[in-house]
Amino acid sequence: MRNKDKIQFDHRFPRVKDLREKARNRIPGFAFDYLDGGCNEEVNLHRNTQKIREVILQPDYLSNFNGADLSTSLFGHTYSAPFGISPIGLQGLIWPGASRILAKAAFEQNIPFILSTVATTAIEEISEITEGKAWFQFYHPASDEMRDDLIKRAEAAGVEVLVLLCDVPTFGYRPKEIRSGLSMPPRLTLRNILQMIARPKWTMATLKEGAPRFANLDPYMPGNLNLSQLGQFMDQTFDKRLNEEKIGPIRDRWKGKLVLKGVASSYDMKKAIKLGMDGVIISNHGGRQLDAGEATISTLKRLAWLYGDQTVIMMDGGLRSGPDIARTMASGANFTFIGRPFMYGVAALGREGGMHTIAMLRTQLQQIMDQLGCPAPSELYRYLLNDN
């Protein structure tokens, strides 16, 4: 059962910055680099947050105000806050059992959790934890058989929102991961072994949990793959560039809500609307794919103005606080998703990390909305200064 009153807040870590620093000191360097890093020179990784922080909100101090209600309706469900947990692959590499920890916290606190196809916990297990309330991010397989089977499994698990990923047509060039030789499981170089020895809590938890694996892909993987064969399998398994011909059959079959994640242009937005998407998530994959790309908040402002009355528009990428959520909602988002901060929370605090991070963000968002005099997240646009 959900327990909305059970909100665990650790006062030692009142900011995402504090969680990040604790996470850095608690997990091996190769795991932290995978979580924290972006592509190329990490320009767009940092631009995402910088541009959000340029948004300015103006308070209304003398109006009648009876308090802010954070609850937000999305696809027929009323969530307790206007943010959810973004999908991240290899969550179990960052902290063992991370997917289960976050799914449980999201369910108990009534916010959406999105599981990645390449997560380390299977959709069936996450569905049991969330009573079918989790969303599923869908990497498009190369074979129709695997595509149909994954969809069938998601349907059987009770998934109501399927999220198609469109912003990974290539593997991002990520220098930190290249340097660390990141693979599944991590390559046992002397450097990586020393990093694991220096982080005994992570190492002992990993030994207890077992080596992280792509749990959703287990039914399709040949046994006894070595590291080089595993990389080849992953490359051959997914048809990475999405297009209208690939989306059409999924839209025809999927009876629930269908969301396109990774929209970054008017062209793709118009295509998404034409193809009957129920919503989009404006995203640049957390600055991990295109260093020369636009910050997500800049894309949001433009596309929300043009298409906000035609579909549900959500955003992730760069949000690190309650004020960032408020800025994004004020800029035209109907909902927001957050990735790295939740993983910092779990890496820093283990089983308590999901609950703490939700409580921290809700507290921050509640404060800024009360400060502004804004009664609901959907009204935040009224407090946006027009000249920013």
Protein backbone atom coordinates (compact mmCIF):
# COMPACT_ATOMS: atom_id res chain seq x y z
CA MET A 1 0.00 0.00 0.00
CA ARG A 2 1.02 3.56 -0.54
CA ASN A 3 1.97 5.63 2.47
CA LYS A 4 1.98 9.26 1.46
CA ASP A 5 2.94 10.32 4.97
CA LYS A 6 6.11 8.21 4.95
CA ILE A 7 8.50 10.79 3.53
CA GLN A 8 12.08 10.30 4.64
CA PHE A 9 14.22 13.42 4.46
CA ASP A 10 17.89 13.33 5.46
CA HIS A 11 18.82 16.83 6.57
CA ARG A 12 22.49 16.22 5.81
CA PHE A 13 21.70 16.37 2.09
CA PRO A 14 19.36 19.30 1.38
CA ARG A 15 20.56 19.81 -2.24
CA VAL A 16 21.24 17.62 -5.25
CA LYS A 17 24.78 18.98 -5.11
CA ASP A 18 25.21 17.36 -1.68
CA LEU A 19 23.88 14.03 -2.94
CA ARG A 20 26.20 14.16 -5.94
CA GLU A 21 29.26 14.71 -3.78
CA LYS A 22 28.29 11.86 -1.45
CA ALA A 23 27.66 9.59 -4.45
CA ARG A 24 31.09 10.42 -5.88
CA ASN A 25 32.69 9.28 -2.62
CA ARG A 26 30.60 6.11 -2.31
CA ILE A 27 30.70 4.40 -5.72
CA PRO A 28 33.61 3.44 -8.02
CA GLY A 29 34.88 6.08 -10.41
CA PHE A 30 33.78 4.19 -13.52
CA ALA A 31 30.18 4.01 -12.19
CA PHE A 32 30.17 7.70 -11.24
CA ASP A 33 31.59 8.69 -14.64
CA TYR A 34 28.84 6.74 -16.38
CA LEU A 35 26.17 8.50 -14.32
CA ASP A 36 27.66 11.98 -14.25
CA GLY A 37 29.23 12.33 -17.68
CA GLY A 38 28.05 13.67 -21.01
CA CYS A 39 29.33 13.39 -24.54
CA ASN A 40 32.37 15.05 -26.11
CA GLU A 41 33.28 18.17 -24.06
CA GLU A 42 30.04 18.05 -22.01
CA VAL A 43 28.95 21.45 -23.28
CA ASN A 44 25.29 20.52 -23.67
CA LEU A 45 25.27 18.63 -20.38
CA HIS A 46 26.02 21.87 -18.54
CA ARG A 47 24.02 24.08 -20.92
CA ASN A 48 20.82 22.24 -19.97
CA THR A 49 20.94 23.46 -16.38
CA GLN A 50 22.44 26.85 -17.16
CA LYS A 51 19.60 27.76 -19.52
CA ILE A 52 16.94 26.60 -17.07
CA ARG A 53 18.48 28.86 -14.44
CA GLU A 54 18.09 31.87 -16.75
CA VAL A 55 14.30 31.63 -16.43
CA ILE A 56 13.03 34.24 -13.96
CA LEU A 57 9.75 34.04 -12.03
CA GLN A 58 7.94 37.00 -10.51
CA PRO A 59 6.00 36.66 -7.22
CA ASP A 60 2.59 38.07 -6.37
CA TYR A 61 2.74 38.97 -2.70
CA LEU A 62 -0.48 40.93 -2.08
CA SER A 63 -3.08 38.66 -3.68
CA ASN A 64 -5.31 36.29 -1.72
CA PHE A 65 -3.57 32.93 -1.43
CA ASN A 66 -4.64 29.76 0.36
CA GLY A 67 -1.60 27.57 -0.33
CA ALA A 68 -0.25 25.55 -3.24
CA ASP A 69 -1.41 22.09 -4.25
CA LEU A 70 1.32 20.19 -6.14
CA SER A 71 -0.98 17.48 -7.51
CA THR A 72 -0.96 17.29 -11.31
CA SER A 73 -3.16 15.34 -13.73
CA LEU A 74 -1.50 13.47 -16.58
CA PHE A 75 -3.08 10.88 -18.89
CA GLY A 76 -6.08 10.43 -16.60
CA HIS A 77 -4.05 9.95 -13.42
CA THR A 78 -3.54 12.54 -10.69
CA TYR A 79 0.04 12.45 -9.44
CA SER A 80 1.13 14.03 -6.17
CA ALA A 81 3.69 16.30 -7.87
CA PRO A 82 4.50 17.50 -11.41
CA PHE A 83 7.68 15.43 -11.75
CA GLY A 84 8.62 11.81 -12.31
CA ILE A 85 11.73 9.64 -12.53
CA SER A 86 13.41 9.46 -15.94
CA PRO A 87 14.62 6.17 -17.42
CA ILE A 88 18.32 5.42 -17.00
CA GLY A 89 20.05 2.33 -18.33
CA LEU A 90 22.37 0.22 -16.16
CA GLN A 91 20.89 1.58 -12.94
CA GLY A 92 22.17 -1.46 -11.08
CA LEU A 93 25.73 -0.58 -12.05
CA ILE A 94 25.43 2.73 -10.22
CA TRP A 95 23.87 1.16 -7.13
CA PRO A 96 22.68 -2.47 -6.80
CA GLY A 97 18.90 -2.71 -6.88
CA ALA A 98 18.51 0.95 -7.87
CA SER A 99 15.59 0.29 -10.23
CA ARG A 100 13.61 -1.45 -7.50
CA ILE A 101 14.44 1.24 -4.94
CA LEU A 102 13.27 4.05 -7.20
CA ALA A 103 10.19 2.23 -8.49
CA LYS A 104 9.06 1.52 -4.93
CA ALA A 105 9.62 5.12 -3.81
CA ALA A 106 7.81 6.49 -6.87
CA PHE A 107 4.84 4.20 -6.31
CA GLU A 108 4.57 5.00 -2.61
CA GLN A 109 4.80 8.75 -3.27
CA ASN A 110 2.51 8.62 -6.33
CA ILE A 111 4.83 9.91 -9.04
CA PRO A 112 5.59 8.15 -12.35
CA PHE A 113 8.65 5.95 -12.77
CA ILE A 114 9.94 5.08 -16.25
CA LEU A 115 11.89 1.84 -16.65
CA SER A 116 14.39 1.58 -19.51
CA THR A 117 14.55 -1.42 -21.83
CA VAL A 118 18.25 -1.61 -20.87
CA ALA A 119 17.63 -1.37 -17.13
CA THR A 120 19.00 -4.00 -14.77
CA THR A 121 15.58 -5.09 -13.44
CA ALA A 122 12.89 -6.69 -15.59
CA ILE A 123 9.59 -5.00 -16.36
CA GLU A 124 7.70 -7.88 -14.72
CA GLU A 125 9.42 -7.29 -11.38
CA ILE A 126 8.97 -3.51 -11.55
CA SER A 127 5.31 -3.99 -12.42
CA GLU A 128 4.82 -6.12 -9.33
CA ILE A 129 6.43 -3.42 -7.16
CA THR A 130 4.31 -0.64 -8.69
CA GLU A 131 1.08 -2.61 -9.23
CA GLY A 132 1.38 -1.94 -12.96
CA LYS A 133 1.82 1.82 -12.59
CA ALA A 134 5.34 2.06 -14.07
CA TRP A 135 5.94 3.43 -17.55
CA PHE A 136 8.24 1.58 -19.98
CA GLN A 137 10.82 3.22 -22.23
CA PHE A 138 11.10 1.25 -25.46
CA TYR A 139 14.34 0.91 -27.41
CA HIS A 140 13.24 -0.22 -30.87
CA PRO A 141 14.49 -3.75 -31.63
CA ALA A 142 15.83 -4.71 -35.04
CA SER A 143 13.51 -7.72 -35.31
CA ASP A 144 9.73 -7.58 -35.46
CA GLU A 145 9.54 -10.69 -33.29
CA MET A 146 11.46 -9.10 -30.43
CA ARG A 147 9.52 -5.85 -30.83
CA ASP A 148 6.19 -7.66 -30.57
CA ASP A 149 7.32 -9.79 -27.66
CA LEU A 150 8.54 -6.80 -25.64
CA ILE A 151 5.25 -5.02 -26.27
CA LYS A 152 3.35 -8.15 -25.26
CA ARG A 153 5.36 -8.34 -22.02
CA ALA A 154 4.67 -4.67 -21.28
CA GLU A 155 0.95 -5.21 -21.86
CA ALA A 156 0.93 -8.30 -19.64
CA ALA A 157 2.74 -6.33 -16.93
CA GLY A 158 -0.04 -3.74 -16.93
CA VAL A 159 1.99 -0.89 -18.41
CA GLU A 160 -0.30 1.93 -19.49
CA VAL A 161 2.29 4.35 -20.93
CA LEU A 162 4.87 3.23 -23.50
CA VAL A 163 7.70 5.68 -24.17
CA LEU A 164 9.42 5.39 -27.56
CA LEU A 165 13.02 6.59 -27.57
CA CYS A 166 14.11 8.52 -30.67
CA ASP A 167 17.28 10.40 -29.65
CA VAL A 168 19.85 7.59 -29.71
CA PRO A 169 20.41 6.88 -33.44
CA THR A 170 24.12 6.40 -32.63
CA PHE A 171 26.15 5.61 -29.54
CA GLY A 172 27.26 8.88 -27.97
CA TYR A 173 30.97 9.67 -27.91
CA ARG A 174 31.58 9.73 -24.15
CA PRO A 175 35.25 10.16 -23.25
CA LYS A 176 34.85 9.23 -19.59
CA GLU A 177 33.29 5.89 -20.47
CA ILE A 178 35.92 5.25 -23.14
CA ARG A 179 38.69 5.91 -20.63
CA SER A 180 37.18 3.62 -18.01
CA GLY A 181 36.49 0.82 -20.49
CA LEU A 182 32.89 0.69 -19.33
CA SER A 183 31.10 -2.49 -20.27
CA MET A 184 28.64 -4.97 -18.78
CA PRO A 185 29.93 -6.21 -16.43
CA PRO A 186 32.68 -3.60 -15.90
CA ARG A 187 35.98 -4.65 -17.40
CA LEU A 188 38.30 -5.84 -14.66
CA THR A 189 41.28 -3.63 -15.36
CA LEU A 190 43.68 -2.92 -12.52
CA ARG A 191 42.33 0.63 -12.39
CA ASN A 192 38.73 -0.55 -12.04
CA ILE A 193 39.62 -3.21 -9.47
CA LEU A 194 41.35 -0.60 -7.33
CA GLN A 195 38.28 1.64 -7.62
CA MET A 196 36.04 -1.20 -6.41
CA ILE A 197 38.34 -2.01 -3.50
CA ALA A 198 38.22 1.66 -2.49
CA ARG A 199 34.39 1.54 -2.36
CA PRO A 200 33.67 -1.49 -0.13
CA LYS A 201 29.96 -0.71 0.49
CA TRP A 202 29.27 -0.67 -3.26
CA THR A 203 31.38 -3.77 -3.80
CA MET A 204 29.73 -5.78 -1.01
CA ALA A 205 26.26 -4.72 -2.15
CA THR A 206 27.12 -5.73 -5.73
CA LEU A 207 28.43 -9.13 -4.62
CA LYS A 208 25.20 -9.69 -2.70
CA GLU A 209 23.00 -8.54 -5.60
CA GLY A 210 25.01 -10.23 -8.32
CA ALA A 211 26.63 -8.71 -11.38
CA PRO A 212 24.34 -6.21 -13.15
CA ARG A 213 22.74 -7.49 -16.31
CA PHE A 214 20.26 -6.33 -18.94
CA ALA A 215 17.34 -8.06 -17.23
CA ASN A 216 14.71 -7.18 -19.85
CA LEU A 217 16.86 -8.72 -22.57
CA ASP A 218 17.66 -12.01 -20.83
CA PRO A 219 15.07 -14.00 -22.85
CA TYR A 220 16.68 -12.92 -26.11
CA MET A 221 20.38 -13.28 -25.25
CA PRO A 222 22.44 -16.38 -26.05
CA GLY A 223 24.15 -17.83 -23.01
CA ASN A 224 27.81 -17.43 -22.07
CA LEU A 225 28.50 -14.27 -24.02
CA ASN A 226 31.90 -12.71 -23.41
CA LEU A 227 32.31 -8.95 -23.27
CA SER A 228 33.07 -8.45 -26.95
CA GLN A 229 30.15 -10.68 -27.95
CA LEU A 230 27.81 -8.80 -25.61
CA GLY A 231 28.68 -5.49 -27.26
CA GLN A 232 28.08 -7.00 -30.69
CA PHE A 233 24.74 -8.44 -29.53
CA MET A 234 23.57 -5.04 -28.28
CA ASP A 235 24.61 -3.34 -31.50
CA GLN A 236 22.75 -5.89 -33.61
CA THR A 237 19.68 -6.09 -31.37
CA PHE A 238 18.48 -2.49 -31.61
CA ASP A 239 17.42 -0.63 -34.73
CA LYS A 240 18.53 2.68 -33.31
CA ARG A 241 17.11 5.23 -35.78
CA LEU A 242 13.36 5.59 -35.35
CA ASN A 243 11.11 6.70 -38.20
CA GLU A 244 7.48 6.83 -39.27
CA GLU A 245 7.54 3.29 -40.68
CA LYS A 246 8.74 1.86 -37.35
CA ILE A 247 6.40 3.91 -35.18
CA GLY A 248 3.26 3.12 -37.19
CA PRO A 249 2.95 -0.59 -36.30
CA ILE A 250 3.55 0.18 -32.62
CA ARG A 251 0.86 2.88 -32.61
CA ASP A 252 -1.53 0.46 -34.30
CA ARG A 253 -0.92 -2.26 -31.72
CA TRP A 254 -0.44 -0.36 -28.47
CA LYS A 255 -3.77 0.34 -26.75
CA GLY A 256 -2.39 2.52 -23.97
CA LYS A 257 -0.80 5.94 -24.05
CA LEU A 258 2.15 6.36 -26.42
CA VAL A 259 4.84 8.98 -25.78
CA LEU A 260 7.81 9.97 -27.95
CA LYS A 261 10.93 10.83 -25.95
CA GLY A 262 13.80 12.83 -27.40
CA VAL A 263 11.89 15.40 -29.44
CA ALA A 264 14.21 18.31 -30.21
CA SER A 265 12.78 20.03 -33.31
CA SER A 266 9.58 21.29 -34.90
CA TYR A 267 9.97 18.64 -37.59
CA ASP A 268 9.88 15.79 -35.07
CA MET A 269 7.09 17.44 -33.09
CA LYS A 270 4.88 17.70 -36.17
CA LYS A 271 5.63 14.06 -37.01
CA ALA A 272 4.74 12.98 -33.47
CA ILE A 273 1.39 14.76 -33.65
CA LYS A 274 0.68 13.33 -37.11
CA LEU A 275 1.42 9.81 -35.89
CA GLY A 276 -1.05 10.15 -33.05
CA MET A 277 1.32 10.34 -30.11
CA ASP A 278 -0.45 11.07 -26.84
CA GLY A 279 2.49 13.16 -25.66
CA VAL A 280 6.15 13.95 -26.13
CA ILE A 281 9.12 14.35 -23.81
CA ILE A 282 11.46 17.08 -24.99
CA SER A 283 14.89 15.72 -24.17
CA ASN A 284 18.49 15.56 -25.38
CA HIS A 285 19.31 12.39 -23.45
CA GLY A 286 20.82 14.35 -20.61
CA GLY A 287 23.51 15.89 -22.81
CA ARG A 288 24.89 12.43 -23.60
CA GLN A 289 24.35 12.34 -27.38
CA LEU A 290 24.76 15.70 -29.15
CA ASP A 291 27.15 18.20 -27.60
CA ALA A 292 26.33 20.78 -30.27
CA GLY A 293 22.60 20.56 -29.58
CA GLU A 294 20.15 22.97 -27.98
CA ALA A 295 19.35 23.05 -24.27
CA THR A 296 16.07 21.31 -23.52
CA ILE A 297 14.46 24.40 -21.96
CA SER A 298 15.16 26.38 -25.15
CA THR A 299 13.48 23.70 -27.24
CA LEU A 300 10.58 23.59 -24.80
CA LYS A 301 9.90 27.32 -24.97
CA ARG A 302 9.76 27.27 -28.76
CA LEU A 303 7.72 24.08 -29.20
CA ALA A 304 5.29 24.73 -26.34
CA TRP A 305 4.42 28.06 -27.91
CA LEU A 306 3.75 26.43 -31.28
CA TYR A 307 2.20 23.08 -30.30
CA GLY A 308 1.17 23.30 -26.65
CA ASP A 309 -2.51 23.12 -27.51
CA GLN A 310 -2.08 20.00 -29.69
CA THR A 311 -0.42 17.46 -27.40
CA VAL A 312 0.95 16.85 -23.91
CA ILE A 313 4.46 18.30 -23.68
CA MET A 314 6.87 17.06 -21.01
CA MET A 315 10.58 17.73 -20.54
CA ASP A 316 13.66 16.24 -18.97
CA GLY A 317 17.33 17.23 -18.96
CA GLY A 318 19.11 19.60 -16.61
CA LEU A 319 16.55 19.87 -13.78
CA ARG A 320 18.32 19.80 -10.41
CA SER A 321 15.90 21.43 -7.94
CA GLY A 322 12.36 22.41 -7.11
CA PRO A 323 12.91 25.90 -8.57
CA ASP A 324 14.10 24.22 -11.79
CA ILE A 325 10.83 22.27 -11.93
CA ALA A 326 8.90 25.52 -11.43
CA ARG A 327 10.91 27.29 -14.14
CA THR A 328 10.26 24.45 -16.57
CA MET A 329 6.54 24.28 -15.87
CA ALA A 330 6.32 28.06 -16.24
CA SER A 331 8.05 27.77 -19.63
CA GLY A 332 5.32 25.57 -21.05
CA ALA A 333 5.80 21.99 -19.80
CA ASN A 334 2.78 20.00 -18.66
CA PHE A 335 5.05 17.72 -16.62
CA THR A 336 8.75 17.14 -15.93
CA PHE A 337 11.07 14.17 -15.54
CA ILE A 338 14.34 14.01 -13.65
CA GLY A 339 17.12 11.43 -13.97
CA ARG A 340 20.55 12.02 -12.49
CA PRO A 341 19.39 13.57 -9.17
CA PHE A 342 17.51 10.39 -8.31
CA MET A 343 20.52 8.24 -9.11
CA TYR A 344 22.75 10.53 -7.03
CA GLY A 345 20.25 10.01 -4.22
CA VAL A 346 20.34 6.21 -4.44
CA ALA A 347 24.13 6.10 -4.85
CA ALA A 348 24.49 8.35 -1.80
CA LEU A 349 21.84 6.85 0.49
CA GLY A 350 21.04 3.40 -0.85
CA ARG A 351 17.53 2.20 0.00
CA GLU A 352 16.58 5.60 1.43
CA GLY A 353 17.77 7.56 -1.59
CA GLY A 354 14.57 7.49 -3.62
CA MET A 355 12.33 8.65 -0.81
CA HIS A 356 14.78 11.34 0.26
CA THR A 357 15.12 12.78 -3.25
CA ILE A 358 11.35 12.92 -3.77
CA ALA A 359 10.90 14.61 -0.39
CA MET A 360 13.66 17.12 -1.09
CA LEU A 361 12.29 18.13 -4.50
CA ARG A 362 8.71 18.34 -3.23
CA THR A 363 9.77 20.51 -0.31
CA GLN A 364 11.72 22.85 -2.59
CA LEU A 365 8.88 23.08 -5.10
CA GLN A 366 6.29 23.67 -2.37
CA GLN A 367 8.37 26.53 -0.97
CA ILE A 368 8.81 28.32 -4.28
CA MET A 369 5.13 28.01 -5.18
CA ASP A 370 4.07 29.31 -1.77
CA GLN A 371 6.59 32.13 -2.18
CA LEU A 372 5.22 33.05 -5.60
CA GLY A 373 1.61 32.77 -4.45
CA CYS A 374 0.93 30.16 -7.15
CA PRO A 375 -1.91 27.75 -6.31
CA ALA A 376 -1.08 24.95 -8.79
CA PRO A 377 1.74 23.85 -11.13
CA SER A 378 -0.49 24.47 -14.14
CA GLU A 379 -0.65 28.15 -13.14
CA LEU A 380 3.10 28.73 -13.00
CA TYR A 381 3.14 30.30 -16.46
CA ARG A 382 1.40 33.33 -14.93
CA TYR A 383 4.54 34.09 -12.91
CA LEU A 384 6.97 33.98 -15.81
CA LEU A 385 8.64 37.28 -16.67
CA ASN A 386 8.01 37.98 -20.34
CA ASP A 387 11.50 39.33 -21.01
CA ASN A 388 13.47 36.15 -20.20
